[in-house]
Amino acid sequence: MKLQGKIGFLGGGRMAEALIKGILQAGLTESSRVVAVDPDQGRRKILDESFSISTGKSHSILADCAIIVLAVKPQIMGKLLTECAEWLDSRHLVISIAAGIPVSFIEERLAAGCRVIRVMPNTPALIQEGASAISAGSGATPEDMEIAGRIFSAIGKSIVLPETYLDAVTGLSGSGPAYVFQFIDALVDAGVKVGLSRQDAELLVLQTILGSVKLAMETGMHPAQLKAMVTSPGGTTIAGLHELEKAGFKAGVMTAVEAATKRSEELGKLV
């Protein structure tokens, strides 16, 4: 089922681009019903040429859109909402993907009854493999949440959570791709250290991670079970796992997620 009315994007960066690509490929709307606003002429040109959508510099051109996606940097959100308050009202479903900005911050700056939803996506949305958590504001209806779910399912997988969990989501899946890339980089360097060419090491590492993720998703087995399948008594894998544990690998990952979660909480208090 298609989205009703136009959908407008305040901000035309990479995440907005991913969303536009996803909703068009999923057939949720047509390019003629998508509008994006961005001060950067280069970004507007990319969106226009890639998707044949309408673009502009003035946010007021989004006034007749039924759905408004706030895809701007957190630090300019307050100023932007103040400028948009004259035309943003209860007719609009407002979806924010700005990290750390609570729903209350947005609702306080818009007309009473404005329907707000906050979403925390992540960068794999750029290839339609994102993970998004969706939280309802005080005025969002079940129908609004269903619309948001359809939009973000077009760029990967989405779940609905109370907003109190979104800082944890930010620390886990929001920042998570960087942890994975760090692990990839470390594995590739390790391959080089034991004598493989960097090209061969990169191919083997990327396919190993891709295959491991697919195996976990398709079997539904617990990671500990899958790990046991690879770990023979007295073998090479247990020797490597022992070194990872000696280095505090698991504790380090848990500490990283906790630190990113706390930082998200701090940023939310700064706006």
C-alpha atoms as a PDB file:
ATOM      1  CA  MET A   1       0.000   0.000   0.000  1.00  0.00           C
ATOM      2  CA  LYS A   2       1.351   3.395  -0.985  1.00  0.00           C
ATOM      3  CA  LEU A   3       1.957   6.290   1.377  1.00  0.00           C
ATOM      4  CA  GLN A   4      -0.766   8.914   1.325  1.00  0.00           C
ATOM      5  CA  GLY A   5       0.301  12.451   0.384  1.00  0.00           C
ATOM      6  CA  LYS A   6       3.756  13.812  -0.268  1.00  0.00           C
ATOM      7  CA  ILE A   7       6.814  13.023   1.836  1.00  0.00           C
ATOM      8  CA  GLY A   8       9.329  15.795   2.477  1.00  0.00           C
ATOM      9  CA  PHE A   9      12.892  15.642   3.749  1.00  0.00           C
ATOM     10  CA  LEU A  10      14.410  18.477   5.762  1.00  0.00           C
ATOM     11  CA  GLY A  11      18.028  17.682   5.044  1.00  0.00           C
ATOM     12  CA  GLY A  12      19.324  15.861   1.984  1.00  0.00           C
ATOM     13  CA  GLY A  13      22.331  13.998   3.365  1.00  0.00           C
ATOM     14  CA  ARG A  14      23.267  10.344   3.007  1.00  0.00           C
ATOM     15  CA  MET A  15      20.603   9.002   5.357  1.00  0.00           C
ATOM     16  CA  ALA A  16      17.882  10.989   3.596  1.00  0.00           C
ATOM     17  CA  GLU A  17      19.240   9.636   0.312  1.00  0.00           C
ATOM     18  CA  ALA A  18      19.029   6.081   1.678  1.00  0.00           C
ATOM     19  CA  LEU A  19      15.425   6.605   2.765  1.00  0.00           C
ATOM     20  CA  ILE A  20      14.410   8.110  -0.566  1.00  0.00           C
ATOM     21  CA  LYS A  21      16.019   5.230  -2.434  1.00  0.00           C
ATOM     22  CA  GLY A  22      14.330   2.698  -0.152  1.00  0.00           C
ATOM     23  CA  ILE A  23      10.802   4.063  -0.338  1.00  0.00           C
ATOM     24  CA  LEU A  24      10.975   4.479  -4.115  1.00  0.00           C
ATOM     25  CA  GLN A  25      12.363   0.979  -4.677  1.00  0.00           C
ATOM     26  CA  ALA A  26       9.713  -0.456  -2.352  1.00  0.00           C
ATOM     27  CA  GLY A  27       7.005   1.315  -4.350  1.00  0.00           C
ATOM     28  CA  LEU A  28       5.730   3.221  -1.319  1.00  0.00           C
ATOM     29  CA  THR A  29       5.399   6.394  -3.394  1.00  0.00           C
ATOM     30  CA  GLU A  30       6.448   7.986  -6.693  1.00  0.00           C
ATOM     31  CA  SER A  31       9.344  10.381  -7.212  1.00  0.00           C
ATOM     32  CA  SER A  32       6.861  13.131  -8.084  1.00  0.00           C
ATOM     33  CA  ARG A  33       5.567  12.970  -4.494  1.00  0.00           C
ATOM     34  CA  VAL A  34       8.983  13.341  -2.811  1.00  0.00           C
ATOM     35  CA  VAL A  35      10.520  16.697  -1.901  1.00  0.00           C
ATOM     36  CA  ALA A  36      13.912  17.367  -0.303  1.00  0.00           C
ATOM     37  CA  VAL A  37      15.316  20.593   1.113  1.00  0.00           C
ATOM     38  CA  ASP A  38      19.026  21.153   1.633  1.00  0.00           C
ATOM     39  CA  PRO A  39      21.192  24.307   1.562  1.00  0.00           C
ATOM     40  CA  ASP A  40      23.941  22.416  -0.282  1.00  0.00           C
ATOM     41  CA  GLN A  41      23.437  22.713  -4.036  1.00  0.00           C
ATOM     42  CA  GLY A  42      25.620  19.668  -4.601  1.00  0.00           C
ATOM     43  CA  ARG A  43      23.387  17.460  -2.457  1.00  0.00           C
ATOM     44  CA  ARG A  44      20.264  18.785  -4.180  1.00  0.00           C
ATOM     45  CA  LYS A  45      21.768  17.988  -7.566  1.00  0.00           C
ATOM     46  CA  ILE A  46      22.625  14.429  -6.500  1.00  0.00           C
ATOM     47  CA  LEU A  47      19.097  13.780  -5.244  1.00  0.00           C
ATOM     48  CA  ASP A  48      17.486  15.338  -8.288  1.00  0.00           C
ATOM     49  CA  GLU A  49      19.636  13.419 -10.771  1.00  0.00           C
ATOM     50  CA  SER A  50      19.447  10.120  -8.869  1.00  0.00           C
ATOM     51  CA  PHE A  51      15.722  10.045  -8.146  1.00  0.00           C
ATOM     52  CA  SER A  52      14.057  12.808 -10.220  1.00  0.00           C
ATOM     53  CA  ILE A  53      12.512  14.330  -7.083  1.00  0.00           C
ATOM     54  CA  SER A  54      11.771  17.984  -6.341  1.00  0.00           C
ATOM     55  CA  THR A  55      14.463  19.827  -4.372  1.00  0.00           C
ATOM     56  CA  GLY A  56      14.893  23.301  -2.979  1.00  0.00           C
ATOM     57  CA  LYS A  57      16.546  25.537  -0.383  1.00  0.00           C
ATOM     58  CA  SER A  58      13.465  26.871   1.427  1.00  0.00           C
ATOM     59  CA  HIS A  59      11.883  24.586   4.024  1.00  0.00           C
ATOM     60  CA  SER A  60       8.500  26.232   3.439  1.00  0.00           C
ATOM     61  CA  ILE A  61       8.091  24.232   0.200  1.00  0.00           C
ATOM     62  CA  LEU A  62       7.439  21.202   2.429  1.00  0.00           C
ATOM     63  CA  ALA A  63       4.307  22.709   3.967  1.00  0.00           C
ATOM     64  CA  ASP A  64       1.971  20.640   1.781  1.00  0.00           C
ATOM     65  CA  CYS A  65       3.759  17.344   2.550  1.00  0.00           C
ATOM     66  CA  ALA A  66       1.861  14.906   4.767  1.00  0.00           C
ATOM     67  CA  ILE A  67       5.063  13.362   6.148  1.00  0.00           C
ATOM     68  CA  ILE A  68       8.112  15.401   7.151  1.00  0.00           C
ATOM     69  CA  VAL A  69      11.402  13.629   7.856  1.00  0.00           C
ATOM     70  CA  LEU A  70      13.829  15.663   9.969  1.00  0.00           C
ATOM     71  CA  ALA A  71      17.211  14.528   8.637  1.00  0.00           C
ATOM     72  CA  VAL A  72      19.467  17.328   9.883  1.00  0.00           C
ATOM     73  CA  LYS A  73      22.364  17.547  12.322  1.00  0.00           C
ATOM     74  CA  PRO A  74      21.272  17.624  15.988  1.00  0.00           C
ATOM     75  CA  GLN A  75      23.019  20.938  16.633  1.00  0.00           C
ATOM     76  CA  ILE A  76      20.800  22.854  14.178  1.00  0.00           C
ATOM     77  CA  MET A  77      17.534  21.171  15.115  1.00  0.00           C
ATOM     78  CA  GLY A  78      16.392  23.854  17.559  1.00  0.00           C
ATOM     79  CA  LYS A  79      16.881  26.703  15.100  1.00  0.00           C
ATOM     80  CA  LEU A  80      15.242  24.746  12.300  1.00  0.00           C
ATOM     81  CA  LEU A  81      12.162  23.836  14.354  1.00  0.00           C
ATOM     82  CA  THR A  82      11.722  27.481  15.362  1.00  0.00           C
ATOM     83  CA  GLU A  83      11.768  28.485  11.696  1.00  0.00           C
ATOM     84  CA  CYS A  84       9.336  25.721  10.697  1.00  0.00           C
ATOM     85  CA  ALA A  85       6.896  26.143  13.600  1.00  0.00           C
ATOM     86  CA  GLU A  86       4.738  28.588  11.624  1.00  0.00           C
ATOM     87  CA  TRP A  87       3.659  25.885   9.167  1.00  0.00           C
ATOM     88  CA  LEU A  88       4.313  22.568  10.939  1.00  0.00           C
ATOM     89  CA  ASP A  89       1.170  21.464  12.778  1.00  0.00           C
ATOM     90  CA  SER A  90      -1.069  18.496  13.569  1.00  0.00           C
ATOM     91  CA  ARG A  91      -1.661  17.868   9.849  1.00  0.00           C
ATOM     92  CA  HIS A  92       1.919  16.653   9.561  1.00  0.00           C
ATOM     93  CA  LEU A  93       3.502  13.421  10.677  1.00  0.00           C
ATOM     94  CA  VAL A  94       6.997  14.487  11.768  1.00  0.00           C
ATOM     95  CA  ILE A  95       9.675  11.767  11.817  1.00  0.00           C
ATOM     96  CA  SER A  96      13.053  12.672  13.312  1.00  0.00           C
ATOM     97  CA  ILE A  97      16.222  10.676  12.663  1.00  0.00           C
ATOM     98  CA  ALA A  98      18.482  13.156  14.480  1.00  0.00           C
ATOM     99  CA  ALA A  99      20.649  11.340  17.022  1.00  0.00           C
ATOM    100  CA  GLY A 100      20.137  12.270  20.659  1.00  0.00           C
ATOM    101  CA  ILE A 101      17.210  14.662  20.109  1.00  0.00           C
ATOM    102  CA  PRO A 102      14.303  13.576  22.366  1.00  0.00           C
ATOM    103  CA  VAL A 103      10.721  13.695  21.190  1.00  0.00           C
ATOM    104  CA  SER A 104       9.910  16.236  23.917  1.00  0.00           C
ATOM    105  CA  PHE A 105      12.441  18.687  22.449  1.00  0.00           C
ATOM    106  CA  ILE A 106      10.606  18.583  19.111  1.00  0.00           C
ATOM    107  CA  GLU A 107       7.075  18.617  20.520  1.00  0.00           C
ATOM    108  CA  GLU A 108       7.798  21.645  22.709  1.00  0.00           C
ATOM    109  CA  ARG A 109       8.772  23.681  19.644  1.00  0.00           C
ATOM    110  CA  LEU A 110       5.849  22.733  17.437  1.00  0.00           C
ATOM    111  CA  ALA A 111       2.107  23.305  17.566  1.00  0.00           C
ATOM    112  CA  ALA A 112       0.086  21.400  20.153  1.00  0.00           C
ATOM    113  CA  GLY A 113      -1.016  18.022  18.900  1.00  0.00           C
ATOM    114  CA  CYS A 114       1.807  17.696  16.398  1.00  0.00           C
ATOM    115  CA  ARG A 115       2.430  14.012  15.667  1.00  0.00           C
ATOM    116  CA  VAL A 116       6.111  13.181  16.254  1.00  0.00           C
ATOM    117  CA  ILE A 117       7.999   9.918  15.885  1.00  0.00           C
ATOM    118  CA  ARG A 118      11.689   9.463  16.687  1.00  0.00           C
ATOM    119  CA  VAL A 119      13.776   6.878  14.848  1.00  0.00           C
ATOM    120  CA  MET A 120      17.362   5.703  15.308  1.00  0.00           C
ATOM    121  CA  PRO A 121      18.588   4.135  12.031  1.00  0.00           C
ATOM    122  CA  ASN A 122      22.173   3.185  11.180  1.00  0.00           C
ATOM    123  CA  THR A 123      24.476   3.570   8.191  1.00  0.00           C
ATOM    124  CA  PRO A 124      23.869   0.159   6.536  1.00  0.00           C
ATOM    125  CA  ALA A 125      20.573   1.781   5.535  1.00  0.00           C
ATOM    126  CA  LEU A 126      22.669   3.142   2.666  1.00  0.00           C
ATOM    127  CA  ILE A 127      22.457  -0.319   1.076  1.00  0.00           C
ATOM    128  CA  GLN A 128      18.958  -1.096   2.411  1.00  0.00           C
ATOM    129  CA  GLU A 129      20.361  -3.247   5.229  1.00  0.00           C
ATOM    130  CA  GLY A 130      19.812  -0.857   8.114  1.00  0.00           C
ATOM    131  CA  ALA A 131      18.607  -1.541  11.632  1.00  0.00           C
ATOM    132  CA  SER A 132      16.154   1.049  12.968  1.00  0.00           C
ATOM    133  CA  ALA A 133      14.342   1.512  16.274  1.00  0.00           C
ATOM    134  CA  ILE A 134      11.089   3.502  16.174  1.00  0.00           C
ATOM    135  CA  SER A 135       9.550   5.357  19.132  1.00  0.00           C
ATOM    136  CA  ALA A 136       6.193   7.144  19.277  1.00  0.00           C
ATOM    137  CA  GLY A 137       5.707  10.664  20.558  1.00  0.00           C
ATOM    138  CA  SER A 138       2.722  11.622  22.694  1.00  0.00           C
ATOM    139  CA  GLY A 139       0.548  12.528  19.691  1.00  0.00           C
ATOM    140  CA  ALA A 140       1.551   9.729  17.314  1.00  0.00           C
ATOM    141  CA  THR A 141      -1.273   7.356  16.394  1.00  0.00           C
ATOM    142  CA  PRO A 142      -1.073   3.608  15.659  1.00  0.00           C
ATOM    143  CA  GLU A 143      -1.559   4.502  11.989  1.00  0.00           C
ATOM    144  CA  ASP A 144       1.409   6.895  12.195  1.00  0.00           C
ATOM    145  CA  MET A 145       3.566   4.142  13.673  1.00  0.00           C
ATOM    146  CA  GLU A 146       2.484   1.756  10.934  1.00  0.00           C
ATOM    147  CA  ILE A 147       3.542   4.336   8.329  1.00  0.00           C
ATOM    148  CA  ALA A 148       6.928   4.791  10.004  1.00  0.00           C
ATOM    149  CA  GLY A 149       7.381   1.037  10.144  1.00  0.00           C
ATOM    150  CA  ARG A 150       6.750   0.721   6.411  1.00  0.00           C
ATOM    151  CA  ILE A 151       9.211   3.520   5.624  1.00  0.00           C
ATOM    152  CA  PHE A 152      12.051   2.126   7.716  1.00  0.00           C
ATOM    153  CA  SER A 153      11.405  -1.477   6.735  1.00  0.00           C
ATOM    154  CA  ALA A 154      12.171  -0.279   3.199  1.00  0.00           C
ATOM    155  CA  ILE A 155      15.794   0.314   4.248  1.00  0.00           C
ATOM    156  CA  GLY A 156      16.324  -2.816   6.333  1.00  0.00           C
ATOM    157  CA  LYS A 157      14.735  -4.122   9.529  1.00  0.00           C
ATOM    158  CA  SER A 158      12.904  -2.049  12.135  1.00  0.00           C
ATOM    159  CA  ILE A 159      11.561  -2.581  15.634  1.00  0.00           C
ATOM    160  CA  VAL A 160       9.307  -0.497  17.889  1.00  0.00           C
ATOM    161  CA  LEU A 161      10.691   0.461  21.299  1.00  0.00           C
ATOM    162  CA  PRO A 162       9.865   2.987  24.032  1.00  0.00           C
ATOM    163  CA  GLU A 163      11.985   6.117  23.663  1.00  0.00           C
ATOM    164  CA  THR A 164      13.785   5.340  26.933  1.00  0.00           C
ATOM    165  CA  TYR A 165      15.710   2.647  25.047  1.00  0.00           C
ATOM    166  CA  LEU A 166      16.889   4.794  22.141  1.00  0.00           C
ATOM    167  CA  ASP A 167      20.156   5.839  23.782  1.00  0.00           C
ATOM    168  CA  ALA A 168      20.952   2.139  24.195  1.00  0.00           C
ATOM    169  CA  VAL A 169      20.014   1.565  20.561  1.00  0.00           C
ATOM    170  CA  THR A 170      22.350   4.404  19.587  1.00  0.00           C
ATOM    171  CA  GLY A 171      25.194   2.826  21.542  1.00  0.00           C
ATOM    172  CA  LEU A 172      24.542  -0.625  20.098  1.00  0.00           C
ATOM    173  CA  SER A 173      23.290  -0.529  16.505  1.00  0.00           C
ATOM    174  CA  GLY A 174      23.748   3.193  15.819  1.00  0.00           C
ATOM    175  CA  SER A 175      27.467   3.104  16.630  1.00  0.00           C
ATOM    176  CA  GLY A 176      27.750  -0.639  16.005  1.00  0.00           C
ATOM    177  CA  PRO A 177      28.871  -0.463  12.359  1.00  0.00           C
ATOM    178  CA  ALA A 178      32.023   1.358  13.486  1.00  0.00           C
ATOM    179  CA  TYR A 179      32.838  -1.472  15.920  1.00  0.00           C
ATOM    180  CA  VAL A 180      32.361  -3.989  13.119  1.00  0.00           C
ATOM    181  CA  PHE A 181      34.577  -2.000  10.740  1.00  0.00           C
ATOM    182  CA  GLN A 182      37.228  -1.771  13.459  1.00  0.00           C
ATOM    183  CA  PHE A 183      37.063  -5.561  13.835  1.00  0.00           C
ATOM    184  CA  ILE A 184      37.303  -6.012  10.058  1.00  0.00           C
ATOM    185  CA  ASP A 185      40.348  -3.747   9.939  1.00  0.00           C
ATOM    186  CA  ALA A 186      41.990  -5.674  12.785  1.00  0.00           C
ATOM    187  CA  LEU A 187      41.342  -9.050  11.129  1.00  0.00           C
ATOM    188  CA  VAL A 188      42.768  -7.840   7.824  1.00  0.00           C
ATOM    189  CA  ASP A 189      45.910  -6.543   9.562  1.00  0.00           C
ATOM    190  CA  ALA A 190      46.178  -9.877  11.364  1.00  0.00           C
ATOM    191  CA  GLY A 191      46.024 -11.686   8.046  1.00  0.00           C
ATOM    192  CA  VAL A 192      48.821  -9.502   6.709  1.00  0.00           C
ATOM    193  CA  LYS A 193      50.845 -10.147   9.863  1.00  0.00           C
ATOM    194  CA  VAL A 194      50.703 -13.921   9.342  1.00  0.00           C
ATOM    195  CA  GLY A 195      51.794 -13.611   5.715  1.00  0.00           C
ATOM    196  CA  LEU A 196      48.728 -13.051   3.519  1.00  0.00           C
ATOM    197  CA  SER A 197      48.547 -10.238   0.984  1.00  0.00           C
ATOM    198  CA  ARG A 198      46.215  -7.428   2.014  1.00  0.00           C
ATOM    199  CA  GLN A 199      43.965  -8.087  -0.964  1.00  0.00           C
ATOM    200  CA  ASP A 200      43.587 -11.772  -0.090  1.00  0.00           C
ATOM    201  CA  ALA A 201      43.117 -10.989   3.593  1.00  0.00           C
ATOM    202  CA  GLU A 202      40.341  -8.476   2.830  1.00  0.00           C
ATOM    203  CA  LEU A 203      38.485 -10.950   0.624  1.00  0.00           C
ATOM    204  CA  LEU A 204      38.702 -13.730   3.211  1.00  0.00           C
ATOM    205  CA  VAL A 205      37.716 -11.483   6.121  1.00  0.00           C
ATOM    206  CA  LEU A 206      34.724  -9.891   4.424  1.00  0.00           C
ATOM    207  CA  GLN A 207      33.362 -13.219   3.198  1.00  0.00           C
ATOM    208  CA  THR A 208      33.962 -14.806   6.611  1.00  0.00           C
ATOM    209  CA  ILE A 209      31.959 -12.078   8.347  1.00  0.00           C
ATOM    210  CA  LEU A 210      29.214 -12.092   5.732  1.00  0.00           C
ATOM    211  CA  GLY A 211      28.907 -15.868   5.899  1.00  0.00           C
ATOM    212  CA  SER A 212      28.922 -15.870   9.694  1.00  0.00           C
ATOM    213  CA  VAL A 213      26.132 -13.287   9.864  1.00  0.00           C
ATOM    214  CA  LYS A 214      24.022 -15.184   7.328  1.00  0.00           C
ATOM    215  CA  LEU A 215      24.584 -18.444   9.226  1.00  0.00           C
ATOM    216  CA  ALA A 216      23.428 -16.846  12.475  1.00  0.00           C
ATOM    217  CA  MET A 217      20.366 -15.277  10.854  1.00  0.00           C
ATOM    218  CA  GLU A 218      19.281 -18.274   8.826  1.00  0.00           C
ATOM    219  CA  THR A 219      19.787 -20.960  11.489  1.00  0.00           C
ATOM    220  CA  GLY A 220      18.477 -18.886  14.400  1.00  0.00           C
ATOM    221  CA  MET A 221      21.023 -20.626  16.608  1.00  0.00           C
ATOM    222  CA  HIS A 222      22.523 -18.890  19.636  1.00  0.00           C
ATOM    223  CA  PRO A 223      25.944 -17.364  18.914  1.00  0.00           C
ATOM    224  CA  ALA A 224      27.457 -19.554  21.620  1.00  0.00           C
ATOM    225  CA  GLN A 225      26.191 -22.660  19.796  1.00  0.00           C
ATOM    226  CA  LEU A 226      27.628 -21.473  16.504  1.00  0.00           C
ATOM    227  CA  LYS A 227      30.929 -20.675  18.187  1.00  0.00           C
ATOM    228  CA  ALA A 228      31.034 -24.197  19.640  1.00  0.00           C
ATOM    229  CA  MET A 229      30.598 -25.654  16.153  1.00  0.00           C
ATOM    230  CA  VAL A 230      33.909 -24.043  15.131  1.00  0.00           C
ATOM    231  CA  THR A 231      35.780 -24.772  18.342  1.00  0.00           C
ATOM    232  CA  SER A 232      37.366 -28.233  18.426  1.00  0.00           C
ATOM    233  CA  PRO A 233      38.969 -29.512  21.655  1.00  0.00           C
ATOM    234  CA  GLY A 234      42.611 -28.471  21.779  1.00  0.00           C
ATOM    235  CA  GLY A 235      42.345 -26.911  18.313  1.00  0.00           C
ATOM    236  CA  THR A 236      43.325 -23.665  16.643  1.00  0.00           C
ATOM    237  CA  THR A 237      40.079 -21.789  17.317  1.00  0.00           C
ATOM    238  CA  ILE A 238      40.092 -22.269  21.093  1.00  0.00           C
ATOM    239  CA  ALA A 239      43.698 -21.071  21.157  1.00  0.00           C
ATOM    240  CA  GLY A 240      42.673 -17.894  19.356  1.00  0.00           C
ATOM    241  CA  LEU A 241      39.572 -17.380  21.532  1.00  0.00           C
ATOM    242  CA  HIS A 242      41.721 -17.745  24.641  1.00  0.00           C
ATOM    243  CA  GLU A 243      43.929 -14.887  23.468  1.00  0.00           C
ATOM    244  CA  LEU A 244      40.882 -12.714  22.737  1.00  0.00           C
ATOM    245  CA  GLU A 245      39.577 -13.280  26.247  1.00  0.00           C
ATOM    246  CA  LYS A 246      43.010 -12.570  27.756  1.00  0.00           C
ATOM    247  CA  ALA A 247      42.926  -9.251  25.873  1.00  0.00           C
ATOM    248  CA  GLY A 248      39.472  -8.466  27.289  1.00  0.00           C
ATOM    249  CA  PHE A 249      37.716  -8.677  23.914  1.00  0.00           C
ATOM    250  CA  LYS A 250      34.167  -9.287  25.157  1.00  0.00           C
ATOM    251  CA  ALA A 251      34.499  -6.830  28.033  1.00  0.00           C
ATOM    252  CA  GLY A 252      35.930  -4.247  25.646  1.00  0.00           C
ATOM    253  CA  VAL A 253      32.932  -4.529  23.316  1.00  0.00           C
ATOM    254  CA  MET A 254      30.498  -4.235  26.215  1.00  0.00           C
ATOM    255  CA  THR A 255      32.361  -1.181  27.554  1.00  0.00           C
ATOM    256  CA  ALA A 256      32.295   0.443  24.109  1.00  0.00           C
ATOM    257  CA  VAL A 257      28.516   0.049  23.817  1.00  0.00           C
ATOM    258  CA  GLU A 258      28.046   1.370  27.346  1.00  0.00           C
ATOM    259  CA  ALA A 259      30.274   4.402  26.664  1.00  0.00           C
ATOM    260  CA  ALA A 260      28.437   5.223  23.428  1.00  0.00           C
ATOM    261  CA  THR A 261      25.090   4.894  25.221  1.00  0.00           C
ATOM    262  CA  LYS A 262      26.187   7.290  27.964  1.00  0.00           C
ATOM    263  CA  ARG A 263      27.464   9.757  25.377  1.00  0.00           C
ATOM    264  CA  SER A 264      24.106   9.646  23.589  1.00  0.00           C
ATOM    265  CA  GLU A 265      22.410  10.439  26.896  1.00  0.00           C
ATOM    266  CA  GLU A 266      24.775  13.381  27.416  1.00  0.00           C
ATOM    267  CA  LEU A 267      24.178  14.774  23.936  1.00  0.00           C
ATOM    268  CA  GLY A 268      20.423  14.629  24.515  1.00  0.00           C
ATOM    269  CA  LYS A 269      20.837  16.868  27.544  1.00  0.00           C
ATOM    270  CA  LEU A 270      22.899  19.432  25.638  1.00  0.00           C
ATOM    271  CA  VAL A 271      20.211  20.418  23.095  1.00  0.00           C
END
